[in-house]
C-alpha atoms as a PDB file:
ATOM      1  CA  MET A   1     -25.718   7.358   2.059  1.00  0.00           C
ATOM      2  CA  GLY A   2     -22.447   9.558   2.068  1.00  0.00           C
ATOM      3  CA  SER A   3     -19.369   9.101  -0.123  1.00  0.00           C
ATOM      4  CA  ASN A   4     -17.848   8.059   3.422  1.00  0.00           C
ATOM      5  CA  HIS A   5     -20.483   5.719   4.507  1.00  0.00           C
ATOM      6  CA  LYS A   6     -20.138   3.833   0.751  1.00  0.00           C
ATOM      7  CA  SER A   7     -16.175   4.161   0.933  1.00  0.00           C
ATOM      8  CA  LEU A   8     -16.427   2.164   4.619  1.00  0.00           C
ATOM      9  CA  GLN A   9     -19.027  -0.069   2.644  1.00  0.00           C
ATOM     10  CA  ALA A  10     -17.069  -1.165   0.178  1.00  0.00           C
ATOM     11  CA  ILE A  11     -13.920  -1.756   2.650  1.00  0.00           C
ATOM     12  CA  LEU A  12     -15.392  -3.815   4.936  1.00  0.00           C
ATOM     13  CA  GLY A  13     -16.527  -5.939   1.843  1.00  0.00           C
ATOM     14  CA  ALA A  14     -12.756  -6.136   0.735  1.00  0.00           C
ATOM     15  CA  PRO A  15     -10.453  -9.225   0.393  1.00  0.00           C
ATOM     16  CA  GLY A  16      -8.357  -9.074   3.223  1.00  0.00           C
ATOM     17  CA  VAL A  17     -10.971  -7.041   5.158  1.00  0.00           C
ATOM     18  CA  ARG A  18     -14.002  -8.864   5.280  1.00  0.00           C
ATOM     19  CA  GLY A  19     -14.089 -11.366   8.248  1.00  0.00           C
ATOM     20  CA  LYS A  20     -11.825  -9.381  10.547  1.00  0.00           C
ATOM     21  CA  ARG A  21     -13.241  -8.062  13.622  1.00  0.00           C
ATOM     22  CA  VAL A  22     -14.584  -4.538  12.676  1.00  0.00           C
ATOM     23  CA  THR A  23     -15.701  -2.350  15.915  1.00  0.00           C
ATOM     24  CA  ALA A  24     -17.928   0.748  15.675  1.00  0.00           C
ATOM     25  CA  LEU A  25     -16.742   3.607  18.392  1.00  0.00           C
ATOM     26  CA  SER A  26     -17.347   6.901  19.352  1.00  0.00           C
ATOM     27  CA  LYS A  27     -14.895   9.395  20.091  1.00  0.00           C
ATOM     28  CA  ASP A  28     -14.622   8.932  23.489  1.00  0.00           C
ATOM     29  CA  GLY A  29     -15.072   5.024  23.116  1.00  0.00           C
ATOM     30  CA  LEU A  30     -11.225   4.453  21.431  1.00  0.00           C
ATOM     31  CA  THR A  31      -9.625   5.202  24.476  1.00  0.00           C
ATOM     32  CA  ASP A  32     -11.710   2.285  26.395  1.00  0.00           C
ATOM     33  CA  PHE A  33     -11.021  -0.240  23.686  1.00  0.00           C
ATOM     34  CA  VAL A  34      -7.758   0.759  23.578  1.00  0.00           C
ATOM     35  CA  LEU A  35      -7.016   0.196  26.761  1.00  0.00           C
ATOM     36  CA  SER A  36      -9.779  -3.444  27.013  1.00  0.00           C
ATOM     37  CA  MET A  37      -7.212  -4.661  24.611  1.00  0.00           C
ATOM     38  CA  ILE A  38      -3.592  -3.699  26.376  1.00  0.00           C
ATOM     39  CA  SER A  39      -5.265  -5.618  29.310  1.00  0.00           C
ATOM     40  CA  LYS A  40      -6.400  -8.685  27.302  1.00  0.00           C
ATOM     41  CA  LYS A  41      -3.069  -8.529  25.249  1.00  0.00           C
ATOM     42  CA  GLN A  42      -0.848  -8.278  28.070  1.00  0.00           C
ATOM     43  CA  GLU A  43      -1.537 -11.624  29.472  1.00  0.00           C
ATOM     44  CA  LEU A  44      -0.703 -13.095  25.945  1.00  0.00           C
ATOM     45  CA  LYS A  45       2.581 -11.118  25.159  1.00  0.00           C
ATOM     46  CA  GLU A  46       1.287  -9.901  21.487  1.00  0.00           C
ATOM     47  CA  PRO A  47       0.853  -6.840  19.833  1.00  0.00           C
ATOM     48  CA  PHE A  48      -2.210  -5.268  18.581  1.00  0.00           C
ATOM     49  CA  TYR A  49      -3.359  -3.302  15.912  1.00  0.00           C
ATOM     50  CA  VAL A  50      -5.697  -0.388  15.977  1.00  0.00           C
ATOM     51  CA  LEU A  51      -7.293   0.893  12.480  1.00  0.00           C
ATOM     52  CA  ASP A  52      -9.316   3.757  12.016  1.00  0.00           C
ATOM     53  CA  LEU A  53     -10.665   3.173   8.560  1.00  0.00           C
ATOM     54  CA  GLY A  54     -12.874   6.848   8.957  1.00  0.00           C
ATOM     55  CA  VAL A  55      -9.562   8.313   9.117  1.00  0.00           C
ATOM     56  CA  VAL A  56      -7.997   6.214   6.204  1.00  0.00           C
ATOM     57  CA  VAL A  57     -11.359   7.272   4.259  1.00  0.00           C
ATOM     58  CA  SER A  58     -11.604  10.814   5.207  1.00  0.00           C
ATOM     59  CA  LEU A  59      -7.413  10.880   4.119  1.00  0.00           C
ATOM     60  CA  MET A  60      -8.053   8.838   0.587  1.00  0.00           C
ATOM     61  CA  GLU A  61     -11.137  11.593  -0.057  1.00  0.00           C
ATOM     62  CA  LYS A  62      -8.928  14.152   0.728  1.00  0.00           C
ATOM     63  CA  TRP A  63      -6.330  13.487  -1.869  1.00  0.00           C
ATOM     64  CA  SER A  64      -8.797  13.162  -4.590  1.00  0.00           C
ATOM     65  CA  ARG A  65     -10.366  16.301  -3.906  1.00  0.00           C
ATOM     66  CA  ALA A  66      -6.882  18.392  -4.004  1.00  0.00           C
ATOM     67  CA  LEU A  67      -4.978  15.979  -6.441  1.00  0.00           C
ATOM     68  CA  PRO A  68      -7.806  14.706  -8.706  1.00  0.00           C
ATOM     69  CA  LEU A  69      -5.181  14.200 -11.123  1.00  0.00           C
ATOM     70  CA  VAL A  70      -2.586  12.604  -9.096  1.00  0.00           C
ATOM     71  CA  ARG A  71      -2.718   8.957  -8.324  1.00  0.00           C
ATOM     72  CA  PRO A  72      -1.349   7.478  -5.040  1.00  0.00           C
ATOM     73  CA  PHE A  73       1.132   4.635  -4.766  1.00  0.00           C
ATOM     74  CA  TYR A  74       1.458   3.783  -0.846  1.00  0.00           C
ATOM     75  CA  ALA A  75       4.718   2.457   0.068  1.00  0.00           C
ATOM     76  CA  VAL A  76       3.840  -1.361   1.067  1.00  0.00           C
ATOM     77  CA  LYS A  77       7.329  -1.351   3.297  1.00  0.00           C
ATOM     78  CA  CYS A  78       5.355   1.293   5.441  1.00  0.00           C
ATOM     79  CA  ASN A  79       2.873  -0.707   6.810  1.00  0.00           C
ATOM     80  CA  PRO A  80       2.118  -4.371   5.373  1.00  0.00           C
ATOM     81  CA  ASP A  81      -0.467  -5.177   7.053  1.00  0.00           C
ATOM     82  CA  PRO A  82      -3.114  -7.047   4.819  1.00  0.00           C
ATOM     83  CA  THR A  83      -5.915  -5.514   5.949  1.00  0.00           C
ATOM     84  CA  PHE A  84      -4.748  -1.828   5.817  1.00  0.00           C
ATOM     85  CA  LEU A  85      -3.491  -2.543   2.475  1.00  0.00           C
ATOM     86  CA  ALA A  86      -6.910  -3.871   1.416  1.00  0.00           C
ATOM     87  CA  ALA A  87      -8.477  -1.114   2.843  1.00  0.00           C
ATOM     88  CA  LEU A  88      -6.579   1.445   1.281  1.00  0.00           C
ATOM     89  CA  ALA A  89      -6.910  -0.987  -2.519  1.00  0.00           C
ATOM     90  CA  ALA A  90     -11.139  -0.703  -1.926  1.00  0.00           C
ATOM     91  CA  LEU A  91     -10.635   2.966  -2.059  1.00  0.00           C
ATOM     92  CA  GLY A  92      -8.556   2.878  -5.104  1.00  0.00           C
ATOM     93  CA  SER A  93      -5.061   3.374  -4.167  1.00  0.00           C
ATOM     94  CA  SER A  94      -2.123   1.660  -6.050  1.00  0.00           C
ATOM     95  CA  PHE A  95       0.985   0.519  -4.332  1.00  0.00           C
ATOM     96  CA  ASP A  96       4.809   0.730  -4.669  1.00  0.00           C
ATOM     97  CA  CYS A  97       6.212  -2.600  -4.377  1.00  0.00           C
ATOM     98  CA  ALA A  98       9.726  -3.015  -3.314  1.00  0.00           C
ATOM     99  CA  SER A  99      10.029  -6.809  -3.383  1.00  0.00           C
ATOM    100  CA  ARG A 100       8.412  -9.740  -4.624  1.00  0.00           C
ATOM    101  CA  THR A 101       6.768 -10.781  -1.545  1.00  0.00           C
ATOM    102  CA  GLU A 102       5.201  -7.295  -1.574  1.00  0.00           C
ATOM    103  CA  ILE A 103       3.980  -7.754  -4.822  1.00  0.00           C
ATOM    104  CA  GLU A 104       2.185 -11.384  -4.023  1.00  0.00           C
ATOM    105  CA  THR A 105       1.142  -9.783  -0.915  1.00  0.00           C
ATOM    106  CA  VAL A 106      -0.774  -7.084  -3.465  1.00  0.00           C
ATOM    107  CA  LEU A 107      -1.808  -9.043  -6.025  1.00  0.00           C
ATOM    108  CA  GLY A 108      -3.624 -11.362  -3.720  1.00  0.00           C
ATOM    109  CA  LEU A 109      -5.778  -8.994  -2.552  1.00  0.00           C
ATOM    110  CA  GLY A 110      -7.353  -8.785  -5.463  1.00  0.00           C
ATOM    111  CA  VAL A 111      -5.299  -5.580  -6.648  1.00  0.00           C
ATOM    112  CA  SER A 112      -4.509  -5.108 -10.949  1.00  0.00           C
ATOM    113  CA  SER A 113      -0.868  -5.742 -11.719  1.00  0.00           C
ATOM    114  CA  ASP A 114      -1.331  -2.151 -13.514  1.00  0.00           C
ATOM    115  CA  ARG A 115      -1.728  -0.549 -10.142  1.00  0.00           C
ATOM    116  CA  ILE A 116       1.861  -1.912  -8.950  1.00  0.00           C
ATOM    117  CA  ILE A 117       5.241   0.011  -9.531  1.00  0.00           C
ATOM    118  CA  PHE A 118       8.355  -1.952  -8.464  1.00  0.00           C
ATOM    119  CA  ALA A 119      10.212   0.418  -6.775  1.00  0.00           C
ATOM    120  CA  ASN A 120      13.352  -0.567  -5.425  1.00  0.00           C
ATOM    121  CA  PRO A 121      16.745   0.739  -6.163  1.00  0.00           C
ATOM    122  CA  CYS A 122      18.300  -2.544  -6.214  1.00  0.00           C
ATOM    123  CA  LYS A 123      16.196  -4.897  -7.704  1.00  0.00           C
ATOM    124  CA  ALA A 124      17.120  -8.772  -7.565  1.00  0.00           C
ATOM    125  CA  GLU A 125      16.962 -10.959 -10.857  1.00  0.00           C
ATOM    126  CA  SER A 126      14.251 -13.062  -9.932  1.00  0.00           C
ATOM    127  CA  HIS A 127      12.299 -10.525  -8.766  1.00  0.00           C
ATOM    128  CA  ILE A 128      12.339  -8.540 -11.661  1.00  0.00           C
ATOM    129  CA  LYS A 129      11.611 -11.682 -13.632  1.00  0.00           C
ATOM    130  CA  TYR A 130       8.504 -12.078 -11.293  1.00  0.00           C
ATOM    131  CA  ALA A 131       7.340  -8.683 -11.529  1.00  0.00           C
ATOM    132  CA  ALA A 132       7.464  -9.208 -15.960  1.00  0.00           C
ATOM    133  CA  SER A 133       5.292 -12.813 -15.443  1.00  0.00           C
ATOM    134  CA  VAL A 134       2.698 -11.610 -13.261  1.00  0.00           C
ATOM    135  CA  GLY A 135       2.430  -7.896 -15.586  1.00  0.00           C
ATOM    136  CA  VAL A 136       4.128  -5.679 -13.147  1.00  0.00           C
ATOM    137  CA  ASN A 137       5.406  -3.278 -16.034  1.00  0.00           C
ATOM    138  CA  LEU A 138       6.380   0.137 -14.112  1.00  0.00           C
ATOM    139  CA  THR A 139       9.606   0.525 -12.119  1.00  0.00           C
ATOM    140  CA  THR A 140      12.050   2.567 -11.351  1.00  0.00           C
ATOM    141  CA  PHE A 141      15.711   2.744 -11.668  1.00  0.00           C
ATOM    142  CA  ASP A 142      18.863   5.225 -10.908  1.00  0.00           C
ATOM    143  CA  SER A 143      21.892   3.309 -11.964  1.00  0.00           C
ATOM    144  CA  ARG A 144      23.255   2.066 -15.231  1.00  0.00           C
ATOM    145  CA  ASP A 145      23.247  -1.142 -13.326  1.00  0.00           C
ATOM    146  CA  GLU A 146      19.698  -1.395 -12.866  1.00  0.00           C
ATOM    147  CA  ILE A 147      18.344   0.021 -16.062  1.00  0.00           C
ATOM    148  CA  GLU A 148      20.969  -3.061 -17.848  1.00  0.00           C
ATOM    149  CA  LYS A 149      18.958  -5.585 -15.631  1.00  0.00           C
ATOM    150  CA  ILE A 150      15.409  -4.391 -16.575  1.00  0.00           C
ATOM    151  CA  ARG A 151      16.482  -4.143 -19.762  1.00  0.00           C
ATOM    152  CA  LYS A 152      17.663  -7.793 -19.730  1.00  0.00           C
ATOM    153  CA  TYR A 153      14.808  -9.347 -17.572  1.00  0.00           C
ATOM    154  CA  HIS A 154      11.842  -7.305 -18.653  1.00  0.00           C
ATOM    155  CA  PRO A 155      12.606  -5.542 -21.598  1.00  0.00           C
ATOM    156  CA  LYS A 156       9.156  -3.897 -21.727  1.00  0.00           C
ATOM    157  CA  CYS A 157       8.861  -2.483 -18.295  1.00  0.00           C
ATOM    158  CA  ALA A 158       7.987   1.429 -18.454  1.00  0.00           C
ATOM    159  CA  LEU A 159      10.951   3.270 -16.699  1.00  0.00           C
ATOM    160  CA  LEU A 160      10.274   6.358 -14.361  1.00  0.00           C
ATOM    161  CA  ILE A 161      14.063   7.733 -13.131  1.00  0.00           C
ATOM    162  CA  ARG A 162      14.655   8.345  -9.439  1.00  0.00           C
ATOM    163  CA  VAL A 163      16.992  11.395  -8.789  1.00  0.00           C
ATOM    164  CA  LYS A 164      18.087  12.197  -5.594  1.00  0.00           C
ATOM    165  CA  PRO A 165      17.695  16.008  -5.409  1.00  0.00           C
ATOM    166  CA  PRO A 166      20.917  17.890  -3.435  1.00  0.00           C
ATOM    167  CA  GLU A 167      21.167  17.521   0.295  1.00  0.00           C
ATOM    168  CA  HIS A 168      21.472  21.094   0.606  1.00  0.00           C
ATOM    169  CA  GLY A 169      19.320  22.390  -1.687  1.00  0.00           C
ATOM    170  CA  VAL A 170      19.771  24.329  -4.581  1.00  0.00           C
ATOM    171  CA  HIS A 171      21.291  27.416  -5.029  1.00  0.00           C
END
């Protein structure tokens, strides 16, 4: 049993994925599957997602081989679909959450709070308090106002400074 197969098994058993419709397809079968979904969904006028778990596994394994000491933090705002997030969680990804809702979503998948960074350039006070209450103890800041809010509402939080590089490079 290869690592790719083990990773797929871990994903299929993960909270957020377990019980979802998963279909094994050949390379040629993907087009037919998507076309059949389009014709079914056109009647309902609803969108649908096709998530290639094999690609997700492959990309995460490539990351691990190329950067074994670097922990990836997926930005939840890019695609907050719980099934996708659960797949990433099962593969060991950490998460960049920009709001209380995103933190709740990731925690709801069984991800531990030490795998979450609260990264929003302008955090609401109530969201900072929530992060503190659930043990999300790493956040970003890029202004004096943010650091003052963090100091007041989550004083033991570890900090990462956000730096905006010059737009046209350094000369």
